[in-house]
Protein backbone atom coordinates (compact mmCIF):
# COMPACT_ATOMS: atom_id res chain seq x y z
CA MET A 1 13.10 3.05 -48.84
CA LYS A 2 13.83 3.94 -45.23
CA LYS A 3 15.13 7.34 -46.27
CA THR A 4 11.96 8.05 -48.25
CA PHE A 5 9.79 7.00 -45.30
CA ALA A 6 11.82 9.13 -42.89
CA LEU A 7 11.62 12.10 -45.24
CA CYS A 8 7.82 11.76 -45.64
CA PHE A 9 7.37 11.26 -41.90
CA SER A 10 9.37 14.37 -41.01
CA ALA A 11 7.55 16.40 -43.68
CA SER A 12 4.16 15.36 -42.28
CA ILE A 13 5.24 16.35 -38.77
CA LEU A 14 6.29 19.76 -40.06
CA LEU A 15 2.97 20.21 -41.88
CA LEU A 16 1.00 19.27 -38.79
CA ALA A 17 2.95 21.72 -36.66
CA ALA A 18 2.91 24.54 -39.25
CA PRO A 19 -0.72 25.75 -38.79
CA ASP A 20 -0.14 26.44 -35.11
CA SER A 21 2.95 28.49 -35.72
CA SER A 22 1.38 30.43 -38.61
CA ALA A 23 -1.74 31.07 -36.55
CA GLN A 24 0.40 32.42 -33.76
CA ALA A 25 2.28 34.59 -36.21
CA ALA A 26 -1.01 35.91 -37.61
CA ARG A 27 -2.22 36.80 -34.13
CA GLN A 28 0.99 38.64 -33.43
CA ARG A 29 0.73 40.58 -36.69
CA THR A 30 -2.88 41.48 -35.92
CA ARG A 31 -1.90 42.80 -32.51
CA SER A 32 0.68 45.07 -34.09
CA ILE A 33 -1.80 46.43 -36.68
CA VAL A 34 -5.05 46.66 -34.72
CA PRO A 35 -4.82 48.80 -31.63
CA GLN A 36 -6.01 47.19 -28.44
CA PRO A 37 -9.21 48.59 -26.92
CA ASN A 38 -8.71 51.11 -24.16
CA LYS A 39 -9.12 49.41 -20.85
CA PRO A 40 -10.13 51.43 -17.80
CA PRO A 41 -7.15 52.33 -15.62
CA ALA A 42 -6.40 50.43 -12.48
CA PRO A 43 -8.10 51.67 -9.31
CA GLY A 44 -4.78 53.09 -8.14
CA GLY A 45 -4.98 56.04 -10.55
CA ALA A 46 -4.88 57.04 -14.18
CA PRO A 47 -1.68 57.50 -16.17
CA ALA A 48 -0.67 61.09 -16.80
CA SER A 49 -1.10 60.79 -20.59
CA ARG A 50 -4.81 59.89 -20.38
CA PRO A 51 -7.58 62.06 -19.01
CA ALA A 52 -9.54 60.71 -16.09
CA PRO A 53 -12.69 58.81 -17.07
CA ALA A 54 -16.01 60.61 -16.75
CA SER A 55 -17.80 60.05 -13.49
CA PRO A 56 -20.91 57.85 -13.62
CA ALA A 57 -23.09 60.81 -12.62
CA ALA A 58 -22.16 62.60 -15.88
CA VAL A 59 -23.54 59.74 -18.02
CA PRO A 60 -27.24 60.14 -18.89
CA ALA A 61 -29.48 57.67 -17.10
CA THR A 62 -31.48 56.65 -20.18
CA THR A 63 -30.11 53.56 -21.86
CA HIS A 64 -32.69 53.23 -24.63
CA ALA A 65 -33.08 56.00 -27.16
CA ALA A 66 -36.69 55.67 -28.24
CA VAL A 67 -37.54 56.91 -31.69
CA PRO A 68 -40.88 58.68 -31.59
CA ALA A 69 -43.56 57.20 -33.78
CA PRO A 70 -44.74 59.37 -36.65
CA PRO A 71 -47.89 61.24 -35.78
CA PRO A 72 -51.05 59.60 -37.06
CA PRO A 73 -52.58 61.29 -40.07
CA ALA A 74 -55.35 63.73 -39.34
CA ASP A 75 -57.78 61.59 -41.30
CA ALA A 76 -56.77 57.95 -41.83
CA GLU A 77 -59.37 57.41 -44.57
CA LYS A 78 -58.14 60.45 -46.48
CA ALA A 79 -54.54 59.22 -46.23
CA LYS A 80 -55.57 55.79 -47.51
CA GLN A 81 -57.38 57.32 -50.49
CA GLU A 82 -54.33 59.43 -51.28
CA ASN A 83 -52.15 56.32 -51.21
CA VAL A 84 -54.53 54.49 -53.58
CA ARG A 85 -54.58 57.50 -55.91
CA LYS A 86 -50.77 57.59 -56.07
CA THR A 87 -50.63 53.84 -56.67
CA ILE A 88 -53.08 54.09 -59.55
CA GLU A 89 -51.11 56.96 -61.11
CA PHE A 90 -47.95 54.87 -60.89
CA GLN A 91 -49.68 51.81 -62.37
CA LYS A 92 -51.08 53.85 -65.26
CA LYS A 93 -47.64 55.26 -66.02
CA ARG A 94 -45.99 51.82 -65.92
CA ALA A 95 -48.82 50.23 -67.95
CA ALA A 96 -48.38 52.88 -70.64
CA GLU A 97 -44.66 52.02 -70.71
CA GLY A 98 -45.59 48.38 -71.35
CA SER A 99 -45.08 46.74 -67.95
CA PRO A 100 -47.10 43.50 -67.94
CA SER A 101 -47.44 43.43 -64.15
CA ALA A 102 -48.77 47.01 -64.09
CA GLN A 103 -51.17 46.22 -66.94
CA TYR A 104 -52.43 43.20 -65.00
CA GLU A 105 -52.88 45.10 -61.71
CA LEU A 106 -54.58 48.04 -63.40
CA GLY A 107 -56.79 45.69 -65.42
CA LEU A 108 -57.97 44.05 -62.18
CA ARG A 109 -58.69 47.48 -60.71
CA TYR A 110 -60.88 48.35 -63.69
CA LEU A 111 -62.69 45.01 -63.53
CA LEU A 112 -63.43 45.40 -59.81
CA GLY A 113 -63.82 49.18 -59.69
CA ASP A 114 -61.07 49.41 -57.07
CA GLY A 115 -60.04 53.05 -56.91
CA VAL A 116 -61.25 53.71 -60.48
CA ASP A 117 -64.60 53.69 -62.21
CA LYS A 118 -65.62 50.13 -63.07
CA ASP A 119 -64.92 49.52 -66.76
CA GLU A 120 -64.83 45.88 -67.83
CA THR A 121 -63.82 46.72 -71.41
CA ALA A 122 -60.73 48.65 -70.30
CA GLY A 123 -59.92 45.94 -67.74
CA MET A 124 -60.11 43.16 -70.31
CA LYS A 125 -58.00 45.19 -72.76
CA LEU A 126 -55.27 45.66 -70.15
CA LEU A 127 -55.35 41.98 -69.17
CA GLU A 128 -55.05 40.98 -72.84
CA GLN A 129 -52.07 43.31 -73.31
CA SER A 130 -50.42 41.76 -70.27
CA ALA A 131 -51.18 38.20 -71.42
CA ALA A 132 -49.75 39.02 -74.86
CA GLN A 133 -46.43 39.63 -73.10
CA ASP A 134 -46.60 36.13 -71.56
CA TYR A 135 -47.64 37.30 -68.08
CA THR A 136 -48.94 34.12 -66.46
CA LEU A 137 -51.30 35.74 -63.96
CA ALA A 138 -53.03 37.68 -66.74
CA LYS A 139 -53.42 34.51 -68.82
CA ARG A 140 -54.99 32.69 -65.89
CA LYS A 141 -57.35 35.56 -65.11
CA LEU A 142 -58.49 35.78 -68.73
CA GLU A 143 -59.18 32.03 -68.80
CA GLU A 144 -61.13 32.34 -65.55
CA LEU A 145 -63.20 35.24 -66.90
CA ARG A 146 -63.95 33.39 -70.15
CA GLU A 147 -65.10 30.35 -68.19
CA LYS A 148 -67.47 32.54 -66.16
CA LYS A 149 -68.94 34.03 -69.35
CA LYS A 150 -69.62 30.54 -70.75
CA LYS A 151 -71.71 29.63 -67.71
């Protein structure tokens, strides 16, 4: 019994001491693999194998490299209309491919006349196609529109 206790006690001491020694060994291995950063030479002079560091006057004075902002469009309203036109083209393409979210968005555009000619029939058709694919937003919108018609 005493031998078992002594054996367990000595094993636990070794286990407690092991992480420190392995951590030290890992640090030593890292030092041998990862080169140390170059430190500036002592004020007494630079070693012959390294070139002298650049003088502070040679370093540009600006510390922040500012990225210039893109120039504003010549006509902001025209740029906005172009963006809406491209969005509608993309939505039409995706709706034709069967995307329920694109069908829903395009259907709303037709219902409201947002960027397209107002066409409630086309809008309802697109919303129904989207709802048929189990698109929740389209289902809710159709229910809302049907409730408005009842009133």
